[in-house]
Amino acid sequence: MEELNKLKSIDLASCDDEEIVELFDIIEAKCDELSNKDLKDFFYILVEILSKRRGIAGKRAYEILSSLYPRMKEDIVSLLWSDVPYIRNSALSIIAYHRDRDVVLGLLKDKDKDIRKFGLDIAFEMADAEILEKGFDDEDPNVVVSAAEYLARLGYEGALDKIVNKLLSIPSENLYELLFIFESLIRLAYPSTPELIERKFHDLSDPIIKDIYVRACGVSNNKKYINYLLSVLDDESVRKNALDSIFSIIRNVHISDQEKENIRKEIESRFTKMSPDELEIAGKIIQTIY
């Protein structure tokens, strides 16, 4: 094909977008007439353009690759192994756009943990909670925490039991994995999150644990945590999160007059230590309880 030969001969890095797009449009219209060899050559040119151009030409290359997905599925999936992040991400988006569950399920069985993670990335773009839940069976911690994070970002409460069961099976020394899963439970506003943290960690004063515990208390809907949150208001590193958690709790539970007075006194005694943002939250707390 004349247009394909011309495309092969030009400098793809410096040629005008308009010339490339014009050739793209002509070739795309005749794609059904291309031999397998010519189609493969066109594919490689599209990928090269995608890696070198971010303007109109790059956008058209992406669109054409997506339109070719039914005919060139294996070639496009193979781009997930590219050394160029933009190419990998483009392939990921194309697969997600076509909602190819079979391909995604295959990726989750790959020996390469990064490819399995890409499978979850695609499942998240597809908002496919059923596939994401399969990530909990993976041996790699990054894949596991990604599954939990993505399900939480989707707000999928149906995965709570699996997330909790997975968390309980993780040893306490696997801090990285546990913290990310606790973050997912907080995002899903799981009320028992503070209790799970208490079960996994004995030293709640550890700065890393303390911060996530303070935030977990805020999703508990349980006023028994208020006294603890008031007690950490002297700690500048968690003060704002503690105030946020207190505010979250008092909006969802009944507070007695005596408890209200205690909250007011404890908060007002720290006014001089608070930043403007913290003072604003403190004011909202006092206004809410009275």
Protein backbone atom coordinates (compact mmCIF):
# COMPACT_ATOMS: atom_id res chain seq x y z
CA MET A 1 0.00 0.00 0.00
CA GLU A 2 1.41 3.35 -1.09
CA GLU A 3 0.40 5.24 2.04
CA LEU A 4 1.90 2.59 4.33
CA ASN A 5 5.17 2.66 2.39
CA LYS A 6 5.24 6.44 2.67
CA LEU A 7 4.62 6.19 6.41
CA LYS A 8 7.56 3.80 6.71
CA SER A 9 9.86 6.19 4.87
CA ILE A 10 9.26 9.41 6.80
CA ASP A 11 10.94 10.55 10.02
CA LEU A 12 8.20 9.80 12.55
CA ALA A 13 9.89 11.86 15.26
CA SER A 14 9.99 15.15 13.33
CA CYS A 15 7.27 14.89 10.68
CA ASP A 16 4.24 17.22 10.98
CA ASP A 17 1.24 15.85 12.84
CA GLU A 18 -1.03 16.73 9.93
CA GLU A 19 0.91 14.58 7.45
CA ILE A 20 0.98 11.59 9.80
CA VAL A 21 -2.71 11.87 10.66
CA GLU A 22 -3.65 12.13 6.99
CA LEU A 23 -1.77 8.91 6.21
CA PHE A 24 -3.28 7.26 9.30
CA ASP A 25 -6.79 8.10 8.17
CA ILE A 26 -6.25 6.65 4.70
CA ILE A 27 -4.64 3.45 5.99
CA GLU A 28 -7.26 2.98 8.70
CA ALA A 29 -10.01 3.17 6.09
CA LYS A 30 -8.29 0.37 4.17
CA CYS A 31 -7.31 -1.80 7.14
CA ASP A 32 -9.51 -4.66 5.99
CA GLU A 33 -7.45 -4.83 2.82
CA LEU A 34 -4.08 -5.06 4.60
CA SER A 35 -2.17 -8.33 4.56
CA ASN A 36 -1.10 -9.75 7.91
CA LYS A 37 2.43 -8.49 7.25
CA ASP A 38 1.27 -4.99 6.36
CA LEU A 39 -1.03 -4.93 9.37
CA LYS A 40 1.87 -5.92 11.62
CA ASP A 41 4.05 -3.18 10.06
CA PHE A 42 1.27 -0.64 10.66
CA PHE A 43 1.01 -1.80 14.25
CA TYR A 44 4.71 -1.19 14.90
CA ILE A 45 4.49 2.26 13.36
CA LEU A 46 1.50 3.12 15.56
CA VAL A 47 3.41 1.99 18.64
CA GLU A 48 6.47 4.02 17.61
CA ILE A 49 4.33 7.12 17.13
CA LEU A 50 2.67 6.52 20.48
CA SER A 51 6.07 6.40 22.18
CA LYS A 52 7.41 9.55 20.46
CA ARG A 53 4.42 11.85 19.99
CA ARG A 54 1.92 13.22 22.52
CA GLY A 55 -0.02 15.51 20.18
CA ILE A 56 -2.69 14.80 17.59
CA ALA A 57 -0.61 12.08 15.94
CA GLY A 58 -0.13 10.25 19.23
CA LYS A 59 -3.82 10.50 20.01
CA ARG A 60 -4.77 9.08 16.60
CA ALA A 61 -2.23 6.27 17.00
CA TYR A 62 -3.91 5.33 20.29
CA GLU A 63 -7.39 5.47 18.76
CA ILE A 64 -6.40 3.27 15.83
CA LEU A 65 -4.67 0.75 18.07
CA SER A 66 -7.84 0.54 20.13
CA SER A 67 -9.95 0.02 16.99
CA LEU A 68 -7.57 -2.77 15.92
CA TYR A 69 -7.84 -4.59 19.27
CA PRO A 70 -10.21 -7.33 18.04
CA ARG A 71 -7.75 -8.22 15.25
CA MET A 72 -4.51 -7.63 17.13
CA LYS A 73 -5.37 -8.57 20.70
CA GLU A 74 -2.19 -10.55 21.39
CA ASP A 75 0.03 -7.82 19.97
CA ILE A 76 -1.62 -5.12 22.07
CA VAL A 77 -1.52 -7.25 25.22
CA SER A 78 2.20 -7.82 24.59
CA LEU A 79 2.74 -4.08 25.00
CA LEU A 80 2.25 -4.57 28.74
CA TRP A 81 5.81 -5.92 28.70
CA SER A 82 7.15 -2.75 27.05
CA ASP A 83 10.02 -0.86 28.70
CA VAL A 84 8.17 2.41 27.99
CA PRO A 85 5.67 3.27 30.77
CA TYR A 86 3.42 5.28 28.43
CA ILE A 87 3.13 2.31 26.06
CA ARG A 88 2.28 -0.02 28.93
CA ASN A 89 -0.35 2.38 30.25
CA SER A 90 -1.85 2.80 26.78
CA ALA A 91 -2.17 -0.96 26.37
CA LEU A 92 -3.72 -1.16 29.84
CA SER A 93 -6.33 1.46 28.94
CA ILE A 94 -7.16 -0.21 25.61
CA ILE A 95 -7.73 -3.60 27.25
CA ALA A 96 -9.87 -1.97 29.94
CA TYR A 97 -11.88 -0.07 27.31
CA HIS A 98 -12.70 -3.34 25.54
CA ARG A 99 -13.52 -4.96 28.91
CA ASP A 100 -11.66 -8.14 27.98
CA ARG A 101 -12.14 -10.17 31.15
CA ASP A 102 -10.51 -13.28 29.69
CA VAL A 103 -7.30 -11.40 29.03
CA VAL A 104 -7.33 -9.87 32.51
CA LEU A 105 -7.89 -13.23 34.17
CA GLY A 106 -4.98 -14.59 32.16
CA LEU A 107 -2.74 -11.75 33.33
CA LEU A 108 -3.52 -12.60 36.96
CA LYS A 109 -1.96 -16.03 36.37
CA ASP A 110 1.28 -14.70 34.87
CA LYS A 111 4.56 -15.62 36.59
CA ASP A 112 5.61 -11.95 36.57
CA LYS A 113 4.19 -10.15 39.62
CA ASP A 114 4.25 -6.82 37.77
CA ILE A 115 2.05 -8.25 35.03
CA ARG A 116 -0.35 -9.61 37.65
CA LYS A 117 -0.46 -6.11 39.13
CA PHE A 118 -1.26 -4.72 35.66
CA GLY A 119 -4.14 -7.17 35.56
CA LEU A 120 -5.53 -5.57 38.72
CA ASP A 121 -4.94 -2.10 37.27
CA ILE A 122 -7.08 -3.05 34.30
CA ALA A 123 -9.76 -4.66 36.48
CA PHE A 124 -9.93 -1.43 38.49
CA GLU A 125 -10.41 0.64 35.33
CA MET A 126 -13.18 -1.80 34.42
CA ALA A 127 -14.62 -1.47 37.96
CA ASP A 128 -14.72 -5.28 38.06
CA ALA A 129 -14.83 -6.16 41.76
CA GLU A 130 -15.09 -9.89 41.09
CA ILE A 131 -11.72 -9.95 39.34
CA LEU A 132 -10.14 -7.63 41.90
CA GLU A 133 -11.07 -10.01 44.72
CA LYS A 134 -8.92 -12.67 43.06
CA GLY A 135 -5.91 -10.54 43.95
CA PHE A 136 -6.22 -11.72 47.56
CA ASP A 137 -5.03 -15.17 46.44
CA ASP A 138 -1.74 -13.79 45.14
CA GLU A 139 1.57 -14.52 46.86
CA ASP A 140 2.97 -11.03 46.26
CA PRO A 141 2.15 -8.41 48.94
CA ASN A 142 1.97 -5.58 46.39
CA VAL A 143 -0.70 -7.42 44.43
CA VAL A 144 -2.67 -8.16 47.60
CA VAL A 145 -2.64 -4.57 48.88
CA SER A 146 -3.52 -3.30 45.40
CA ALA A 147 -6.59 -5.53 45.38
CA ALA A 148 -7.67 -4.13 48.75
CA GLU A 149 -6.93 -0.54 47.75
CA TYR A 150 -8.81 -0.77 44.46
CA LEU A 151 -11.86 -2.41 46.02
CA ALA A 152 -11.91 0.32 48.65
CA ARG A 153 -11.59 3.04 46.02
CA LEU A 154 -14.58 1.50 44.27
CA GLY A 155 -16.44 1.64 47.59
CA TYR A 156 -17.20 -2.06 47.27
CA GLU A 157 -18.34 -3.10 50.74
CA GLY A 158 -19.07 -6.61 49.50
CA ALA A 159 -15.34 -7.30 49.76
CA LEU A 160 -15.10 -6.44 53.47
CA ASP A 161 -15.16 -10.03 54.70
CA LYS A 162 -12.39 -11.03 52.32
CA ILE A 163 -10.30 -8.00 53.21
CA VAL A 164 -10.67 -8.70 56.94
CA ASN A 165 -9.92 -12.41 56.54
CA LYS A 166 -6.83 -11.61 54.50
CA LEU A 167 -5.69 -9.08 57.08
CA LEU A 168 -6.08 -11.59 59.92
CA SER A 169 -3.87 -14.06 58.06
CA ILE A 170 -0.98 -11.60 57.68
CA PRO A 171 1.77 -11.71 60.36
CA SER A 172 2.17 -8.55 62.45
CA GLU A 173 5.74 -8.07 61.20
CA ASN A 174 4.45 -7.52 57.64
CA LEU A 175 3.88 -3.86 58.47
CA TYR A 176 3.74 -2.55 54.88
CA GLU A 177 1.04 -4.99 53.85
CA LEU A 178 -1.03 -4.46 57.00
CA LEU A 179 -0.95 -0.67 56.86
CA PHE A 180 -2.20 -0.55 53.29
CA ILE A 181 -5.03 -2.95 54.08
CA PHE A 182 -5.98 -0.93 57.17
CA GLU A 183 -6.09 2.15 54.93
CA SER A 184 -8.57 0.28 52.72
CA LEU A 185 -10.77 -0.56 55.70
CA ILE A 186 -10.74 3.07 56.80
CA ARG A 187 -11.72 4.17 53.30
CA LEU A 188 -14.61 1.69 53.46
CA ALA A 189 -15.52 3.08 56.93
CA TYR A 190 -15.37 -0.36 58.53
CA PRO A 191 -16.39 0.23 62.18
CA SER A 192 -14.26 -2.56 63.66
CA THR A 193 -11.01 -1.26 62.19
CA PRO A 194 -9.66 0.07 65.53
CA GLU A 195 -10.21 -3.31 67.17
CA LEU A 196 -8.36 -5.05 64.34
CA ILE A 197 -5.44 -2.66 64.76
CA GLU A 198 -5.40 -3.42 68.48
CA ARG A 199 -5.25 -7.13 67.68
CA LYS A 200 -2.33 -6.74 65.30
CA PHE A 201 -0.22 -4.18 67.14
CA HIS A 202 0.51 -3.99 70.86
CA ASP A 203 2.28 -0.63 70.79
CA LEU A 204 -0.28 1.92 69.61
CA SER A 205 2.11 4.73 70.52
CA ASP A 206 4.41 3.91 67.62
CA PRO A 207 4.13 6.99 65.36
CA ILE A 208 3.20 5.00 62.25
CA ILE A 209 0.61 2.91 64.08
CA LYS A 210 -0.68 5.83 66.12
CA ASP A 211 -1.66 7.90 63.09
CA ILE A 212 -3.61 5.13 61.38
CA TYR A 213 -5.24 4.12 64.70
CA VAL A 214 -6.39 7.69 65.31
CA ARG A 215 -7.98 7.80 61.87
CA ALA A 216 -9.51 4.36 62.32
CA CYS A 217 -11.24 5.54 65.49
CA GLY A 218 -13.08 8.07 63.36
CA VAL A 219 -14.89 5.38 61.37
CA SER A 220 -15.82 3.35 64.45
CA ASN A 221 -19.05 5.21 65.27
CA ASN A 222 -18.19 4.34 68.88
CA LYS A 223 -17.87 7.03 71.54
CA LYS A 224 -15.63 4.82 73.69
CA TYR A 225 -12.73 6.07 71.58
CA ILE A 226 -13.38 9.75 72.30
CA ASN A 227 -11.36 9.83 75.54
CA TYR A 228 -8.38 8.29 73.76
CA LEU A 229 -8.66 10.85 70.95
CA LEU A 230 -8.83 13.68 73.47
CA SER A 231 -5.73 12.31 75.19
CA VAL A 232 -3.61 12.56 72.01
CA LEU A 233 -4.51 16.18 71.23
CA ASP A 234 -1.17 17.29 72.71
CA ASP A 235 0.59 15.34 69.94
CA GLU A 236 0.95 17.79 67.07
CA SER A 237 1.58 14.97 64.57
CA VAL A 238 -1.92 13.48 65.03
CA ARG A 239 -3.91 16.41 66.44
CA LYS A 240 -5.77 17.29 63.25
CA ASN A 241 -6.67 13.66 62.53
CA ALA A 242 -7.78 13.21 66.15
CA LEU A 243 -10.08 16.22 65.87
CA ASP A 244 -11.44 14.91 62.57
CA SER A 245 -12.15 11.55 64.20
CA ILE A 246 -13.88 13.12 67.19
CA PHE A 247 -16.03 15.19 64.84
CA SER A 248 -16.93 12.08 62.85
CA ILE A 249 -17.96 10.15 65.96
CA ILE A 250 -20.07 12.86 67.61
CA ARG A 251 -22.12 13.30 64.44
CA ASN A 252 -23.19 9.66 64.59
CA VAL A 253 -23.72 8.83 68.28
CA HIS A 254 -25.59 10.23 71.27
CA ILE A 255 -23.41 12.26 73.62
CA SER A 256 -24.53 12.88 77.23
CA ASP A 257 -24.33 16.34 78.81
CA GLN A 258 -21.43 15.27 81.00
CA GLU A 259 -19.56 13.88 77.98
CA LYS A 260 -20.21 17.09 76.05
CA GLU A 261 -18.76 19.18 78.86
CA ASN A 262 -15.67 16.98 79.06
CA ILE A 263 -15.10 17.20 75.31
CA ARG A 264 -15.47 20.98 75.39
CA LYS A 265 -13.04 21.44 78.28
CA GLU A 266 -10.41 19.11 76.82
CA ILE A 267 -10.54 20.78 73.43
CA GLU A 268 -10.61 24.38 74.70
CA SER A 269 -7.59 23.69 76.94
CA ARG A 270 -5.56 23.03 73.75
CA PHE A 271 -6.72 26.06 71.78
CA THR A 272 -3.38 27.83 72.12
CA LYS A 273 -1.58 24.87 70.54
CA MET A 274 -3.88 24.55 67.53
CA SER A 275 -3.32 25.69 63.97
CA PRO A 276 -6.06 27.67 62.17
CA ASP A 277 -7.29 24.49 60.46
CA GLU A 278 -7.42 22.63 63.76
CA LEU A 279 -9.24 25.49 65.44
CA GLU A 280 -11.83 25.38 62.68
CA ILE A 281 -12.50 21.68 63.28
CA ALA A 282 -12.53 22.22 67.05
CA GLY A 283 -15.14 24.94 66.60
CA LYS A 284 -17.31 22.60 64.54
CA ILE A 285 -17.09 19.95 67.25
CA ILE A 286 -18.21 22.33 70.01
CA GLN A 287 -20.94 23.78 67.81
CA THR A 288 -22.24 20.28 67.01
CA ILE A 289 -22.45 19.03 70.58
CA TYR A 290 -24.27 22.15 71.87
